[in-house]
Protein backbone atom coordinates (compact mmCIF):
# COMPACT_ATOMS: atom_id res chain seq x y z
CA MET A 1 -51.95 77.02 -109.23
CA ARG A 2 -52.33 74.93 -106.16
CA THR A 3 -50.66 71.48 -106.21
CA ARG A 4 -52.34 68.28 -105.21
CA ALA A 5 -50.23 68.19 -102.08
CA GLN A 6 -51.47 71.66 -101.09
CA ILE A 7 -55.06 70.60 -101.76
CA ALA A 8 -54.65 67.46 -99.74
CA LEU A 9 -53.13 69.44 -96.89
CA GLY A 10 -56.00 71.94 -97.03
CA VAL A 11 -58.54 69.10 -96.88
CA LEU A 12 -56.68 67.53 -93.94
CA VAL A 13 -56.64 70.78 -91.97
CA LEU A 14 -60.33 71.32 -92.67
CA ALA A 15 -61.07 67.77 -91.46
CA VAL A 16 -59.13 68.35 -88.24
CA SER A 17 -60.92 71.65 -87.73
CA VAL A 18 -64.38 70.13 -88.20
CA SER A 19 -63.42 67.22 -85.81
CA GLN A 20 -62.22 69.66 -83.17
CA ALA A 21 -65.38 71.69 -83.45
CA GLY A 22 -67.63 68.64 -83.08
CA ALA A 23 -69.36 67.88 -79.75
CA VAL A 24 -68.99 64.68 -77.75
CA THR A 25 -71.25 62.99 -75.32
CA LEU A 26 -69.44 62.11 -72.06
CA ARG A 27 -71.18 59.36 -70.11
CA TYR A 28 -70.15 56.39 -68.00
CA LYS A 29 -71.48 53.03 -69.28
CA PHE A 30 -72.43 50.32 -66.83
CA LYS A 31 -72.63 46.60 -67.35
CA SER A 32 -73.71 44.37 -64.44
CA GLY A 33 -70.86 42.18 -63.29
CA GLU A 34 -68.09 44.13 -65.10
CA THR A 35 -64.92 44.55 -63.04
CA HIS A 36 -61.99 46.94 -63.53
CA ALA A 37 -58.78 47.35 -61.55
CA TYR A 38 -56.81 50.56 -61.02
CA LYS A 39 -53.29 50.90 -59.58
CA THR A 40 -52.98 54.10 -57.56
CA THR A 41 -49.80 55.70 -56.32
CA MET A 42 -49.47 58.83 -54.17
CA LYS A 43 -46.26 60.50 -53.00
CA GLY A 44 -46.32 63.68 -50.86
CA ARG A 45 -44.40 65.75 -48.47
CA GLY A 46 -45.39 68.54 -46.03
CA GLU A 47 -45.03 70.05 -42.60
CA MET A 48 -46.91 69.97 -39.33
CA GLY A 49 -46.85 72.64 -36.68
CA LEU A 50 -47.86 72.24 -33.05
CA GLY A 51 -48.76 75.25 -30.97
CA GLY A 52 -45.94 76.26 -28.69
CA LEU A 53 -43.21 74.74 -30.80
CA ALA A 54 -40.93 77.14 -32.65
CA GLU A 55 -40.25 74.87 -35.61
CA SER A 56 -42.58 72.71 -37.67
CA MET A 57 -41.93 69.03 -38.27
CA ARG A 58 -41.47 67.61 -41.74
CA MET A 59 -43.48 64.64 -42.91
CA GLU A 60 -43.65 62.49 -45.98
CA MET A 61 -46.23 59.94 -47.14
CA SER A 62 -46.39 57.38 -49.90
CA ILE A 63 -49.24 55.08 -50.88
CA GLU A 64 -49.43 52.28 -53.37
CA MET A 65 -52.56 50.13 -53.81
CA VAL A 66 -54.69 48.35 -56.38
CA THR A 67 -58.47 48.75 -56.16
CA ALA A 68 -61.08 46.58 -57.93
CA GLN A 69 -64.33 48.25 -58.90
CA LYS A 70 -67.30 45.96 -59.75
CA VAL A 71 -70.73 46.93 -61.07
CA LEU A 72 -73.11 45.08 -58.83
CA SER A 73 -76.30 46.13 -60.43
CA VAL A 74 -77.66 48.57 -63.05
CA GLY A 75 -80.89 50.53 -62.51
CA ASP A 76 -83.02 53.38 -63.87
CA GLY A 77 -82.93 52.00 -67.38
CA GLY A 78 -79.11 51.87 -67.42
CA ASN A 79 -78.75 55.45 -66.14
CA SER A 80 -77.36 54.47 -62.73
CA ALA A 81 -75.46 51.67 -61.07
CA GLN A 82 -74.40 50.37 -57.70
CA ILE A 83 -70.61 49.95 -57.66
CA GLU A 84 -68.40 48.09 -55.21
CA GLN A 85 -64.81 49.14 -54.66
CA ARG A 86 -62.36 46.91 -52.69
CA VAL A 87 -58.71 47.43 -51.97
CA LYS A 88 -56.79 44.40 -52.97
CA PRO A 89 -54.39 42.78 -50.43
CA GLY A 90 -50.90 44.19 -50.40
CA GLY A 91 -51.73 47.95 -50.37
CA LYS A 92 -49.08 49.87 -48.42
CA MET A 93 -48.78 53.34 -46.87
CA VAL A 94 -45.56 54.66 -45.41
CA VAL A 95 -45.52 57.73 -43.25
CA THR A 96 -42.24 59.39 -42.27
CA PHE A 97 -42.60 61.84 -39.44
CA ALA A 98 -39.73 63.56 -37.60
CA GLY A 99 -37.40 61.14 -39.33
CA ASN A 100 -39.19 57.96 -38.34
CA SER A 101 -40.88 55.86 -40.97
CA THR A 102 -43.94 53.76 -40.17
CA PRO A 103 -45.24 51.36 -42.78
CA THR A 104 -48.94 50.40 -42.67
CA GLU A 105 -51.07 48.01 -44.64
CA ILE A 106 -54.08 49.74 -46.13
CA PRO A 107 -57.38 48.30 -44.76
CA GLN A 108 -59.33 46.19 -47.27
CA GLU A 109 -62.45 48.32 -46.86
CA ARG A 110 -65.50 47.88 -48.99
CA VAL A 111 -66.99 51.01 -50.47
CA LEU A 112 -70.45 50.93 -52.03
CA LEU A 113 -71.74 53.78 -54.06
CA THR A 114 -74.56 54.58 -56.42
CA MET A 115 -73.51 56.67 -59.37
CA ASP A 116 -75.32 57.93 -62.47
CA THR A 117 -73.96 57.97 -65.98
CA ARG A 118 -72.86 61.55 -65.57
CA GLY A 119 -70.63 60.55 -62.67
CA ARG A 120 -72.71 62.12 -59.97
CA VAL A 121 -72.39 60.34 -56.57
CA LEU A 122 -75.96 59.65 -55.41
CA LYS A 123 -75.14 57.52 -52.36
CA LEU A 124 -71.94 56.21 -50.64
CA THR A 125 -71.46 53.75 -47.84
CA VAL A 126 -68.14 52.58 -46.34
CA ALA A 127 -68.13 49.06 -44.94
CA GLY A 128 -65.56 46.95 -43.15
CA THR A 129 -64.09 43.65 -44.40
CA GLY A 130 -66.89 41.87 -42.56
CA GLY A 131 -69.61 43.84 -44.34
CA GLY A 132 -70.70 45.98 -41.40
CA ALA A 133 -70.89 49.77 -41.71
CA VAL A 134 -67.85 51.69 -40.47
CA PRO A 135 -68.66 54.75 -38.36
CA GLY A 136 -67.22 57.91 -39.73
CA ALA A 137 -65.58 58.52 -43.14
CA SER A 138 -62.69 56.60 -44.42
CA MET A 139 -59.86 58.05 -46.52
CA GLN A 140 -60.64 55.54 -49.25
CA GLY A 141 -64.23 56.55 -49.41
CA MET A 142 -63.39 60.25 -49.26
CA ASP A 143 -60.90 59.91 -52.09
CA TRP A 144 -63.24 58.01 -54.32
CA ALA A 145 -66.17 60.37 -53.63
CA GLN A 146 -64.15 63.56 -54.11
CA MET A 147 -62.73 62.44 -57.42
CA ALA A 148 -66.03 61.12 -58.73
CA ALA A 149 -67.86 64.30 -57.74
CA ALA A 150 -65.16 66.51 -59.22
CA MET A 151 -65.32 64.59 -62.50
CA ALA A 152 -69.10 64.70 -62.98
CA PHE A 153 -70.07 65.40 -66.64
CA PRO A 154 -72.42 68.14 -67.82
CA GLU A 155 -75.88 67.29 -69.11
CA LYS A 156 -75.25 68.57 -72.60
CA ASP A 157 -72.61 67.49 -75.17
CA VAL A 158 -69.17 69.16 -74.87
CA LYS A 159 -66.91 70.76 -77.49
CA VAL A 160 -63.12 70.91 -77.29
CA ASN A 161 -61.98 73.80 -75.05
CA GLU A 162 -65.49 74.05 -73.44
CA VAL A 163 -65.62 74.49 -69.65
CA TRP A 164 -68.16 73.12 -67.20
CA GLU A 165 -68.45 73.47 -63.45
CA THR A 166 -69.69 71.16 -60.66
CA ASN A 167 -70.96 71.98 -57.20
CA ALA A 168 -71.84 68.88 -55.14
CA ALA A 169 -72.42 67.91 -51.50
CA VAL A 170 -71.33 64.26 -51.21
CA ASP A 171 -72.16 61.93 -48.29
CA VAL A 172 -68.78 60.21 -47.72
CA ALA A 173 -70.19 58.20 -44.80
CA THR A 174 -72.99 58.24 -42.26
CA GLY A 175 -73.16 61.76 -40.91
CA ALA A 176 -70.19 63.08 -42.85
CA LYS A 177 -70.75 65.24 -45.90
CA MET A 178 -68.15 66.80 -48.23
CA LYS A 179 -68.72 69.81 -50.45
CA VAL A 180 -66.93 69.71 -53.77
CA GLN A 181 -66.43 72.60 -56.24
CA ALA A 182 -64.89 71.69 -59.54
CA ARG A 183 -64.09 73.28 -62.90
CA SER A 184 -63.34 71.06 -65.94
CA ARG A 185 -62.13 71.72 -69.50
CA LEU A 186 -62.18 69.40 -72.45
CA LEU A 187 -58.64 69.74 -73.70
CA GLY A 188 -58.93 67.49 -76.69
CA LEU A 189 -60.21 64.33 -78.46
CA GLU A 190 -57.43 61.85 -79.28
CA THR A 191 -56.38 58.30 -79.49
CA TYR A 192 -54.72 57.24 -76.22
CA LYS A 193 -53.47 53.74 -75.49
CA GLY A 194 -55.46 52.57 -78.52
CA ARG A 195 -58.73 54.11 -77.26
CA GLN A 196 -60.80 57.07 -78.42
CA CYS A 197 -60.44 59.34 -75.42
CA ALA A 198 -61.43 62.77 -74.16
CA ARG A 199 -58.54 64.49 -72.43
CA ILE A 200 -59.90 66.57 -69.57
CA ARG A 201 -58.34 68.89 -66.97
CA THR A 202 -60.19 69.32 -63.69
CA SER A 203 -59.46 71.62 -60.81
CA PHE A 204 -61.35 71.13 -57.52
CA SER A 205 -61.56 72.44 -53.97
CA ILE A 206 -63.04 71.07 -50.78
CA PRO A 207 -63.46 73.08 -47.63
CA LEU A 208 -62.63 71.15 -44.47
CA ASP A 209 -64.38 73.27 -41.83
CA THR A 210 -67.46 71.02 -41.57
CA LEU A 211 -66.02 67.65 -42.36
CA LEU A 212 -63.88 66.66 -39.31
CA PRO A 213 -66.50 67.40 -36.56
CA GLN A 214 -68.93 65.02 -38.25
CA MET A 215 -66.29 62.28 -38.30
CA MET A 216 -65.61 62.41 -34.53
CA PRO A 217 -67.21 59.83 -32.15
CA GLN A 218 -70.43 61.00 -30.69
CA GLY A 219 -70.14 62.38 -27.14
CA GLY A 220 -66.64 63.63 -27.59
CA PRO A 221 -65.74 67.32 -27.99
CA ALA A 222 -65.88 68.41 -31.57
CA PRO A 223 -62.64 70.01 -32.78
CA GLU A 224 -62.58 73.20 -34.79
CA MET A 225 -61.06 72.78 -38.26
CA GLY A 226 -60.26 75.05 -41.12
CA GLY A 227 -58.46 74.76 -44.43
CA GLN A 228 -59.17 73.09 -47.71
CA VAL A 229 -58.16 70.42 -50.22
CA THR A 230 -57.32 71.62 -53.70
CA GLY A 231 -56.32 69.63 -56.76
CA LEU A 232 -55.53 69.80 -60.43
CA VAL A 233 -55.85 66.56 -62.35
CA VAL A 234 -55.53 65.68 -66.05
CA TRP A 235 -57.41 62.48 -67.02
CA TYR A 236 -58.32 60.43 -70.04
CA PHE A 237 -61.89 59.14 -70.50
CA ASP A 238 -62.74 56.51 -73.14
CA HIS A 239 -65.97 58.08 -74.36
CA VAL A 240 -66.86 54.95 -76.48
CA SER A 241 -66.56 52.44 -73.57
CA GLY A 242 -67.60 55.04 -70.93
CA LEU A 243 -64.54 54.37 -68.76
CA VAL A 244 -61.76 56.33 -67.07
CA ILE A 245 -58.37 55.15 -68.39
CA ASP A 246 -56.01 57.06 -66.16
CA GLU A 247 -55.56 60.22 -64.22
CA SER A 248 -52.60 62.12 -62.78
CA GLY A 249 -52.14 65.38 -60.97
CA LYS A 250 -51.37 67.18 -57.75
CA VAL A 251 -53.45 67.54 -54.56
CA THR A 252 -52.68 70.03 -51.80
CA VAL A 253 -54.06 69.76 -48.31
CA GLN A 254 -53.87 72.74 -45.85
CA SER A 255 -55.52 72.52 -42.48
CA THR A 256 -55.67 73.92 -38.99
CA THR A 257 -57.21 72.14 -36.01
CA SER A 258 -58.02 73.23 -32.52
CA PHE A 259 -59.28 70.69 -29.86
CA THR A 260 -59.45 70.38 -26.10
CA MET A 261 -57.57 67.82 -24.02
CA GLY A 262 -58.70 68.11 -20.43
CA GLU A 263 -58.32 71.83 -19.61
CA GLN A 264 -55.73 72.48 -22.34
CA THR A 265 -56.40 73.64 -25.86
CA VAL A 266 -54.15 72.20 -28.52
CA GLU A 267 -53.72 73.84 -31.94
CA THR A 268 -52.08 72.25 -34.96
CA SER A 269 -51.52 73.15 -38.52
CA SER A 270 -50.40 71.07 -41.44
CA SER A 271 -49.78 71.30 -45.17
CA MET A 272 -49.01 68.58 -47.71
CA VAL A 273 -48.61 68.42 -51.49
CA MET A 274 -49.19 65.01 -53.05
CA ASN A 275 -48.56 63.73 -56.52
CA VAL A 276 -51.34 61.30 -57.48
CA LYS A 277 -51.55 58.84 -60.36
CA SER A 278 -54.17 56.15 -61.08
CA VAL A 279 -53.94 53.79 -64.10
CA LEU A 280 -56.41 51.19 -65.42
CA GLN A 281 -54.87 47.74 -65.16
CA LYS A 282 -57.50 45.72 -66.99
């Protein structure tokens, strides 16, 4: 005869199984005027080779910054929003190349984007601190766009262990477009930092062959570029509040570039692996 403890355990296992089998709706939720801040850190190392040199040069890079994201307006019946992202003062980047370290303050750019509740980037503009448009793409704008595009949700509800794929062409700035291919899996539904969260793993890739020529000043010779950005990120999404709580993972950049200086053709190659973490501050 089964004991009460065995029966209780059986009921608990059944309840967990039913919960895991249930589907969840993954959508961002926008409220006009709402602001959130994220602290982002990146640490990476890699190598750069220059044509004609026998040995490649090692390089390291670290970034630490806090960005504020504010919902400026909500449209389409709450299904989309214009969001402003600003880097707060004090953001630092340190690049160590050939043994020499160079600290740099991260520009306080202003990124404006229109995004729908599924996380699809509909429009993106990078502006300077004075509000004017900045020609070409910025790394801040590219980073935000690539992560947002990679993390777009499917139209239908998702079950645990279900996989969805995203293919998007994102305008990262005027005349610069970035193609993102991503594959995501819902790893589980759990309580994380006191919130009801979906734990998601996303892998993404971005080819670089068409991005750099569009970023170069008009009238100058367009370089030839190959390579890609690949990444694997695990992130927590509060599916009740419709908000990313944190994300961490690894991003790899491999590229080759060929450009002309006068009558000479210069070829470079580089590779870098970066550990990335972004955490909601408030």
